[in-house]
Amino acid sequence: MAKYTKDEIVSRAKDLARMVAETDEVDFFKRAEAQIHENKKVSTIISDIKSLQKQAVNLQHYGKPEAQKKVEEKIDSLQQELDDIPVVQEFKQSQLEVNELLQIIASAISNTVTDEIITATGGNLLTGETGASIANDEGCGCGLDHDHEH
């Protein structure tokens, strides 16, 4: 059976990443991100939020909880306003879709590696047991009790 080096695997992973970068999901993400950056209302709200966050930190530092609470309420209100803007919703949706695609890829890799280990050790794919765990459950087949070493 062929053995691969870490470098070869990383190289394949980079090929896979380039493929992912050319999917509809990533395309949608790029367009949504571009629309976010071009949207004046969005950038104004974001800069207002950042400035209020700095105020909140200062108010907390100087021990002014009532004023801090008011500033945090303004931040929450602006955050809600931001979330209600269609391009922001599209951007968040596109982020979810790209993350979902990456999750599917990670699961496929992980599950395939596990299945390969089970198969290579003569295990059982249905129960998910490797050959070693099956051998331990059934004994080593030598006919003696299991308090000995081979």
N, C-alpha and C. Protein backbone atom coordinates (compact mmCIF):
# COMPACT_ATOMS: atom_id res chain seq x y z
N MET A 1 0.85 -1.19 0.00
CA MET A 1 0.00 0.00 0.00
C MET A 1 0.89 1.25 0.00
N ALA A 2 0.50 2.25 -0.76
CA ALA A 2 1.29 3.48 -0.86
C ALA A 2 1.28 4.26 0.45
N LYS A 3 2.42 4.84 0.77
CA LYS A 3 2.50 5.70 1.95
C LYS A 3 2.70 7.13 1.47
N TYR A 4 2.00 8.05 2.10
CA TYR A 4 2.11 9.46 1.71
C TYR A 4 2.80 10.24 2.81
N THR A 5 3.54 11.26 2.42
CA THR A 5 4.18 12.14 3.41
C THR A 5 3.21 13.24 3.79
N LYS A 6 3.49 13.89 4.92
CA LYS A 6 2.65 15.03 5.34
C LYS A 6 2.65 16.10 4.26
N ASP A 7 3.82 16.35 3.65
CA ASP A 7 3.92 17.38 2.60
C ASP A 7 3.01 17.07 1.42
N GLU A 8 2.96 15.78 1.02
CA GLU A 8 2.09 15.39 -0.10
C GLU A 8 0.62 15.61 0.27
N ILE A 9 0.28 15.30 1.52
CA ILE A 9 -1.11 15.46 1.97
C ILE A 9 -1.49 16.93 2.03
N VAL A 10 -0.57 17.76 2.55
CA VAL A 10 -0.83 19.21 2.62
C VAL A 10 -0.98 19.78 1.21
N SER A 11 -0.18 19.27 0.28
CA SER A 11 -0.27 19.72 -1.10
C SER A 11 -1.65 19.39 -1.69
N ARG A 12 -2.15 18.17 -1.40
CA ARG A 12 -3.49 17.78 -1.86
C ARG A 12 -4.56 18.65 -1.18
N ALA A 13 -4.35 18.96 0.09
CA ALA A 13 -5.30 19.79 0.82
C ALA A 13 -5.39 21.17 0.18
N LYS A 14 -4.24 21.69 -0.27
CA LYS A 14 -4.22 23.00 -0.94
C LYS A 14 -4.97 22.93 -2.28
N ASP A 15 -4.81 21.80 -2.98
CA ASP A 15 -5.58 21.60 -4.23
C ASP A 15 -7.08 21.62 -3.91
N LEU A 16 -7.46 20.92 -2.86
CA LEU A 16 -8.86 20.87 -2.43
C LEU A 16 -9.35 22.28 -2.07
N ALA A 17 -8.52 23.04 -1.37
CA ALA A 17 -8.88 24.41 -0.99
C ALA A 17 -9.12 25.28 -2.23
N ARG A 18 -8.26 25.09 -3.25
CA ARG A 18 -8.45 25.84 -4.50
C ARG A 18 -9.77 25.46 -5.18
N MET A 19 -10.13 24.18 -5.08
CA MET A 19 -11.41 23.74 -5.64
C MET A 19 -12.57 24.40 -4.89
N VAL A 20 -12.47 24.42 -3.56
CA VAL A 20 -13.51 25.03 -2.73
C VAL A 20 -13.65 26.51 -3.09
N ALA A 21 -12.52 27.17 -3.32
CA ALA A 21 -12.53 28.60 -3.65
C ALA A 21 -13.27 28.89 -4.96
N GLU A 22 -13.48 27.84 -5.77
CA GLU A 22 -14.17 28.02 -7.05
C GLU A 22 -15.59 27.45 -7.03
N THR A 23 -16.18 27.33 -5.83
CA THR A 23 -17.56 26.82 -5.75
C THR A 23 -18.55 27.99 -5.79
N ASP A 24 -19.81 27.67 -6.03
CA ASP A 24 -20.87 28.68 -6.01
C ASP A 24 -20.97 29.33 -4.63
N GLU A 25 -20.79 28.52 -3.57
CA GLU A 25 -20.91 29.04 -2.20
C GLU A 25 -19.89 30.14 -1.95
N VAL A 26 -18.64 29.92 -2.37
CA VAL A 26 -17.58 30.92 -2.15
C VAL A 26 -17.80 32.12 -3.05
N ASP A 27 -18.29 31.87 -4.25
CA ASP A 27 -18.61 32.95 -5.17
C ASP A 27 -19.66 33.89 -4.57
N PHE A 28 -20.70 33.29 -4.02
CA PHE A 28 -21.78 34.03 -3.36
C PHE A 28 -21.23 34.84 -2.19
N PHE A 29 -20.34 34.21 -1.41
CA PHE A 29 -19.71 34.88 -0.27
C PHE A 29 -18.92 36.11 -0.73
N LYS A 30 -18.12 35.97 -1.79
CA LYS A 30 -17.31 37.09 -2.30
C LYS A 30 -18.20 38.24 -2.74
N ARG A 31 -19.29 37.91 -3.45
CA ARG A 31 -20.21 38.96 -3.91
C ARG A 31 -20.87 39.66 -2.73
N ALA A 32 -21.32 38.87 -1.76
CA ALA A 32 -21.98 39.44 -0.58
C ALA A 32 -21.02 40.33 0.20
N GLU A 33 -19.77 39.89 0.34
CA GLU A 33 -18.78 40.68 1.07
C GLU A 33 -18.51 42.00 0.34
N ALA A 34 -18.42 41.94 -0.99
CA ALA A 34 -18.18 43.15 -1.77
C ALA A 34 -19.34 44.14 -1.58
N GLN A 35 -20.57 43.63 -1.56
CA GLN A 35 -21.74 44.49 -1.37
C GLN A 35 -21.73 45.14 0.01
N ILE A 36 -21.28 44.38 1.01
CA ILE A 36 -21.18 44.92 2.37
C ILE A 36 -20.23 46.11 2.39
N HIS A 37 -19.05 45.95 1.77
CA HIS A 37 -18.04 47.01 1.78
C HIS A 37 -18.48 48.24 1.01
N GLU A 38 -19.30 48.04 -0.01
CA GLU A 38 -19.76 49.17 -0.83
C GLU A 38 -20.95 49.89 -0.21
N ASN A 39 -21.58 49.28 0.79
CA ASN A 39 -22.81 49.84 1.35
C ASN A 39 -22.50 50.89 2.43
N LYS A 40 -22.85 52.15 2.13
CA LYS A 40 -22.55 53.27 3.04
C LYS A 40 -23.27 53.11 4.38
N LYS A 41 -24.53 52.71 4.33
CA LYS A 41 -25.31 52.57 5.57
C LYS A 41 -24.66 51.55 6.49
N VAL A 42 -24.22 50.43 5.89
CA VAL A 42 -23.58 49.37 6.66
C VAL A 42 -22.29 49.89 7.30
N SER A 43 -21.44 50.55 6.50
CA SER A 43 -20.16 51.01 7.06
C SER A 43 -20.36 52.08 8.13
N THR A 44 -21.38 52.93 7.98
CA THR A 44 -21.67 53.95 9.00
C THR A 44 -22.09 53.28 10.31
N ILE A 45 -22.99 52.31 10.22
CA ILE A 45 -23.45 51.61 11.43
C ILE A 45 -22.28 50.88 12.10
N ILE A 46 -21.45 50.22 11.30
CA ILE A 46 -20.32 49.49 11.85
C ILE A 46 -19.36 50.45 12.58
N SER A 47 -19.08 51.60 11.97
CA SER A 47 -18.16 52.52 12.64
C SER A 47 -18.79 53.12 13.90
N ASP A 48 -20.12 53.35 13.88
CA ASP A 48 -20.82 53.81 15.09
C ASP A 48 -20.72 52.76 16.20
N ILE A 49 -20.91 51.51 15.84
CA ILE A 49 -20.83 50.42 16.82
C ILE A 49 -19.42 50.37 17.44
N LYS A 50 -18.39 50.46 16.58
CA LYS A 50 -17.01 50.41 17.08
C LYS A 50 -16.72 51.55 18.05
N SER A 51 -17.20 52.74 17.72
CA SER A 51 -16.94 53.89 18.59
C SER A 51 -17.70 53.75 19.92
N LEU A 52 -18.93 53.23 19.85
CA LEU A 52 -19.70 52.99 21.09
C LEU A 52 -19.06 51.89 21.94
N GLN A 53 -18.47 50.89 21.28
CA GLN A 53 -17.80 49.82 22.03
C GLN A 53 -16.61 50.39 22.82
N LYS A 54 -15.87 51.33 22.20
CA LYS A 54 -14.75 51.97 22.90
C LYS A 54 -15.26 52.77 24.11
N GLN A 55 -16.38 53.48 23.89
CA GLN A 55 -17.00 54.22 24.99
C GLN A 55 -17.37 53.29 26.14
N ALA A 56 -17.98 52.16 25.80
CA ALA A 56 -18.42 51.19 26.81
C ALA A 56 -17.24 50.69 27.63
N VAL A 57 -16.11 50.42 26.95
CA VAL A 57 -14.91 49.96 27.65
C VAL A 57 -14.41 51.04 28.61
N ASN A 58 -14.39 52.29 28.14
CA ASN A 58 -13.95 53.40 29.00
C ASN A 58 -14.87 53.58 30.20
N LEU A 59 -16.18 53.51 29.96
CA LEU A 59 -17.15 53.68 31.05
C LEU A 59 -17.00 52.55 32.07
N GLN A 60 -16.71 51.35 31.58
CA GLN A 60 -16.50 50.22 32.49
C GLN A 60 -15.24 50.48 33.32
N HIS A 61 -14.19 50.97 32.64
CA HIS A 61 -12.91 51.24 33.29
C HIS A 61 -13.07 52.30 34.39
N TYR A 62 -13.90 53.32 34.13
CA TYR A 62 -14.09 54.40 35.11
C TYR A 62 -15.22 54.10 36.09
N GLY A 63 -15.76 52.88 36.03
CA GLY A 63 -16.78 52.46 36.99
C GLY A 63 -18.08 53.24 36.90
N LYS A 64 -18.61 53.34 35.67
CA LYS A 64 -19.90 54.04 35.47
C LYS A 64 -20.89 53.07 34.84
N PRO A 65 -21.43 52.14 35.64
CA PRO A 65 -22.28 51.07 35.10
C PRO A 65 -23.57 51.55 34.43
N GLU A 66 -24.20 52.63 34.95
CA GLU A 66 -25.47 53.10 34.34
C GLU A 66 -25.20 53.63 32.93
N ALA A 67 -24.19 54.45 32.80
CA ALA A 67 -23.84 55.01 31.48
C ALA A 67 -23.40 53.89 30.54
N GLN A 68 -22.65 52.94 31.08
CA GLN A 68 -22.18 51.81 30.28
C GLN A 68 -23.38 51.02 29.74
N LYS A 69 -24.37 50.80 30.60
CA LYS A 69 -25.56 50.03 30.22
C LYS A 69 -26.30 50.73 29.06
N LYS A 70 -26.41 52.07 29.14
CA LYS A 70 -27.08 52.84 28.07
C LYS A 70 -26.34 52.71 26.74
N VAL A 71 -25.01 52.79 26.82
CA VAL A 71 -24.21 52.67 25.60
C VAL A 71 -24.36 51.26 25.02
N GLU A 72 -24.37 50.24 25.88
CA GLU A 72 -24.53 48.86 25.40
C GLU A 72 -25.91 48.64 24.78
N GLU A 73 -26.92 49.31 25.31
CA GLU A 73 -28.26 49.22 24.70
C GLU A 73 -28.27 49.84 23.31
N LYS A 74 -27.54 50.98 23.15
CA LYS A 74 -27.42 51.61 21.82
C LYS A 74 -26.71 50.66 20.86
N ILE A 75 -25.67 49.99 21.36
CA ILE A 75 -24.92 49.03 20.53
C ILE A 75 -25.86 47.91 20.07
N ASP A 76 -26.64 47.36 20.99
CA ASP A 76 -27.58 46.29 20.66
C ASP A 76 -28.59 46.74 19.61
N SER A 77 -29.07 47.97 19.77
CA SER A 77 -30.05 48.52 18.84
C SER A 77 -29.44 48.68 17.44
N LEU A 78 -28.20 49.19 17.38
CA LEU A 78 -27.51 49.33 16.08
C LEU A 78 -27.21 47.96 15.47
N GLN A 79 -26.85 47.01 16.31
CA GLN A 79 -26.56 45.65 15.84
C GLN A 79 -27.82 45.05 15.19
N GLN A 80 -28.97 45.30 15.83
CA GLN A 80 -30.24 44.81 15.28
C GLN A 80 -30.55 45.49 13.95
N GLU A 81 -30.31 46.79 13.90
CA GLU A 81 -30.53 47.55 12.66
C GLU A 81 -29.64 47.00 11.55
N LEU A 82 -28.40 46.69 11.89
CA LEU A 82 -27.45 46.11 10.94
C LEU A 82 -27.94 44.75 10.44
N ASP A 83 -28.39 43.92 11.37
CA ASP A 83 -28.86 42.58 11.02
C ASP A 83 -30.11 42.59 10.14
N ASP A 84 -30.86 43.70 10.18
CA ASP A 84 -32.08 43.80 9.39
C ASP A 84 -31.82 44.24 7.94
N ILE A 85 -30.59 44.63 7.64
CA ILE A 85 -30.27 45.09 6.28
C ILE A 85 -30.07 43.85 5.38
N PRO A 86 -30.79 43.80 4.24
CA PRO A 86 -30.74 42.62 3.36
C PRO A 86 -29.32 42.17 2.98
N VAL A 87 -28.40 43.10 2.63
CA VAL A 87 -27.05 42.66 2.22
C VAL A 87 -26.31 42.00 3.39
N VAL A 88 -26.62 42.44 4.61
CA VAL A 88 -25.99 41.83 5.78
C VAL A 88 -26.53 40.42 5.98
N GLN A 89 -27.83 40.27 5.79
CA GLN A 89 -28.45 38.94 5.90
C GLN A 89 -27.86 37.99 4.85
N GLU A 90 -27.68 38.50 3.62
CA GLU A 90 -27.10 37.68 2.55
C GLU A 90 -25.68 37.29 2.90
N PHE A 91 -24.92 38.25 3.46
CA PHE A 91 -23.54 37.98 3.84
C PHE A 91 -23.48 36.89 4.91
N LYS A 92 -24.32 37.01 5.93
CA LYS A 92 -24.34 36.01 7.01
C LYS A 92 -24.76 34.64 6.47
N GLN A 93 -25.73 34.63 5.57
CA GLN A 93 -26.17 33.38 4.95
C GLN A 93 -25.02 32.75 4.16
N SER A 94 -24.29 33.58 3.42
CA SER A 94 -23.19 33.06 2.61
C SER A 94 -22.08 32.51 3.51
N GLN A 95 -21.85 33.16 4.65
CA GLN A 95 -20.86 32.65 5.62
C GLN A 95 -21.27 31.26 6.11
N LEU A 96 -22.55 31.12 6.44
CA LEU A 96 -23.07 29.83 6.91
C LEU A 96 -22.86 28.75 5.86
N GLU A 97 -23.14 29.09 4.60
CA GLU A 97 -23.02 28.10 3.53
C GLU A 97 -21.57 27.66 3.30
N VAL A 98 -20.64 28.62 3.37
CA VAL A 98 -19.23 28.27 3.21
C VAL A 98 -18.77 27.42 4.39
N ASN A 99 -19.17 27.80 5.60
CA ASN A 99 -18.81 27.02 6.79
C ASN A 99 -19.38 25.60 6.71
N GLU A 100 -20.61 25.50 6.22
CA GLU A 100 -21.26 24.19 6.08
C GLU A 100 -20.47 23.31 5.10
N LEU A 101 -20.05 23.91 3.99
CA LEU A 101 -19.27 23.18 2.99
C LEU A 101 -17.95 22.69 3.61
N LEU A 102 -17.28 23.55 4.37
CA LEU A 102 -16.02 23.16 5.02
C LEU A 102 -16.25 22.05 6.04
N GLN A 103 -17.38 22.14 6.74
CA GLN A 103 -17.74 21.11 7.73
C GLN A 103 -17.97 19.76 7.04
N ILE A 104 -18.65 19.78 5.91
CA ILE A 104 -18.91 18.56 5.14
C ILE A 104 -17.60 17.93 4.69
N ILE A 105 -16.67 18.77 4.22
CA ILE A 105 -15.36 18.28 3.77
C ILE A 105 -14.60 17.66 4.94
N ALA A 106 -14.58 18.37 6.08
CA ALA A 106 -13.86 17.87 7.26
C ALA A 106 -14.44 16.53 7.72
N SER A 107 -15.77 16.42 7.72
CA SER A 107 -16.43 15.17 8.12
C SER A 107 -16.11 14.05 7.15
N ALA A 108 -16.14 14.36 5.86
CA ALA A 108 -15.85 13.34 4.85
C ALA A 108 -14.43 12.80 5.03
N ILE A 109 -13.48 13.70 5.29
CA ILE A 109 -12.09 13.28 5.49
C ILE A 109 -11.99 12.41 6.74
N SER A 110 -12.54 12.92 7.84
CA SER A 110 -12.48 12.22 9.11
C SER A 110 -13.13 10.83 9.03
N ASN A 111 -14.33 10.78 8.47
CA ASN A 111 -15.05 9.50 8.36
C ASN A 111 -14.33 8.51 7.46
N THR A 112 -13.75 9.02 6.37
CA THR A 112 -13.04 8.14 5.44
C THR A 112 -11.79 7.57 6.10
N VAL A 113 -11.06 8.42 6.83
CA VAL A 113 -9.87 7.94 7.54
C VAL A 113 -10.26 6.84 8.53
N THR A 114 -11.31 7.10 9.29
CA THR A 114 -11.79 6.11 10.27
C THR A 114 -12.16 4.80 9.58
N ASP A 115 -12.92 4.89 8.49
CA ASP A 115 -13.33 3.69 7.74
C ASP A 115 -12.12 2.93 7.20
N GLU A 116 -11.12 3.69 6.71
CA GLU A 116 -9.91 3.05 6.18
C GLU A 116 -9.17 2.29 7.28
N ILE A 117 -9.11 2.88 8.47
CA ILE A 117 -8.44 2.22 9.61
C ILE A 117 -9.18 0.94 9.97
N ILE A 118 -10.51 1.04 10.06
CA ILE A 118 -11.33 -0.13 10.41
C ILE A 118 -11.14 -1.24 9.38
N THR A 119 -11.22 -0.87 8.10
CA THR A 119 -11.08 -1.85 7.02
C THR A 119 -9.67 -2.46 7.02
N ALA A 120 -8.65 -1.61 7.15
CA ALA A 120 -7.26 -2.09 7.11
C ALA A 120 -6.93 -3.03 8.25
N THR A 121 -7.62 -2.87 9.38
CA THR A 121 -7.34 -3.74 10.53
C THR A 121 -8.28 -4.94 10.58
N GLY A 122 -9.09 -5.10 9.52
CA GLY A 122 -10.03 -6.22 9.48
C GLY A 122 -11.19 -6.04 10.45
N GLY A 123 -11.55 -4.79 10.66
CA GLY A 123 -12.63 -4.49 11.59
C GLY A 123 -14.00 -4.56 10.95
N ASN A 124 -14.99 -4.06 11.69
CA ASN A 124 -16.37 -4.11 11.24
C ASN A 124 -16.88 -2.68 11.04
N LEU A 125 -17.16 -2.29 9.78
CA LEU A 125 -17.62 -0.93 9.47
C LEU A 125 -18.97 -0.62 10.10
N LEU A 126 -19.83 -1.65 10.21
CA LEU A 126 -21.17 -1.41 10.76
C LEU A 126 -21.12 -1.04 12.24
N THR A 127 -20.25 -1.72 12.99
CA THR A 127 -20.17 -1.42 14.43
C THR A 127 -19.11 -0.36 14.71
N GLY A 128 -18.25 -0.08 13.73
CA GLY A 128 -17.20 0.91 13.93
C GLY A 128 -16.04 0.39 14.75
N GLU A 129 -15.91 -0.95 14.87
CA GLU A 129 -14.82 -1.53 15.65
C GLU A 129 -13.63 -1.86 14.75
N THR A 130 -12.43 -1.56 15.26
CA THR A 130 -11.23 -1.96 14.52
C THR A 130 -10.99 -3.44 14.76
N GLY A 131 -10.11 -4.01 13.94
CA GLY A 131 -9.77 -5.41 14.10
C GLY A 131 -9.19 -5.70 15.48
N ALA A 132 -8.41 -4.74 16.01
CA ALA A 132 -7.78 -4.93 17.32
C ALA A 132 -8.83 -5.04 18.42
N SER A 133 -9.86 -4.19 18.38
CA SER A 133 -10.87 -4.25 19.45
C SER A 133 -11.71 -5.51 19.32
N ILE A 134 -11.93 -5.98 18.11
CA ILE A 134 -12.68 -7.23 17.91
C ILE A 134 -11.85 -8.40 18.44
N ALA A 135 -10.55 -8.40 18.14
CA ALA A 135 -9.66 -9.48 18.62
C ALA A 135 -9.63 -9.49 20.14
N ASN A 136 -9.59 -8.33 20.76
CA ASN A 136 -9.57 -8.27 22.23
C ASN A 136 -10.86 -8.80 22.83
N ASP A 137 -11.99 -8.52 22.16
CA ASP A 137 -13.28 -9.00 22.66
C ASP A 137 -13.40 -10.51 22.51
N GLU A 138 -12.87 -11.04 21.42
CA GLU A 138 -13.05 -12.47 21.12
C GLU A 138 -11.89 -13.31 21.64
N GLY A 139 -10.87 -12.68 22.15
CA GLY A 139 -9.69 -13.42 22.57
C GLY A 139 -8.72 -13.52 21.42
N CYS A 140 -7.53 -13.98 21.71
CA CYS A 140 -6.48 -13.99 20.69
C CYS A 140 -6.50 -15.27 19.86
N GLY A 141 -7.35 -16.20 20.22
CA GLY A 141 -7.47 -17.41 19.43
C GLY A 141 -6.43 -18.47 19.77
N CYS A 142 -5.69 -18.29 20.87
CA CYS A 142 -4.66 -19.25 21.22
C CYS A 142 -5.19 -20.38 22.08
N GLY A 143 -6.43 -20.26 22.54
CA GLY A 143 -7.02 -21.32 23.36
C GLY A 143 -6.71 -21.19 24.84
N LEU A 144 -5.87 -20.24 25.23
CA LEU A 144 -5.53 -20.06 26.64
C LEU A 144 -6.32 -18.90 27.22
N ASP A 145 -6.27 -18.77 28.56
CA ASP A 145 -6.94 -17.60 29.13
C ASP A 145 -6.15 -16.34 28.78
N HIS A 146 -6.69 -15.17 29.11
CA HIS A 146 -6.06 -13.92 28.62
C HIS A 146 -5.12 -13.28 29.61
N ASP A 147 -4.62 -14.04 30.59
CA ASP A 147 -3.68 -13.48 31.54
C ASP A 147 -2.24 -13.74 31.11
N HIS A 148 -2.04 -14.03 29.85
CA HIS A 148 -0.67 -14.29 29.39
C HIS A 148 -0.30 -13.33 28.26
N GLU A 149 0.98 -13.28 28.00
CA GLU A 149 1.47 -12.45 26.89
C GLU A 149 1.95 -13.35 25.77
N HIS A 150 1.92 -12.81 24.56
CA HIS A 150 2.46 -13.57 23.41
C HIS A 150 3.85 -13.13 23.10
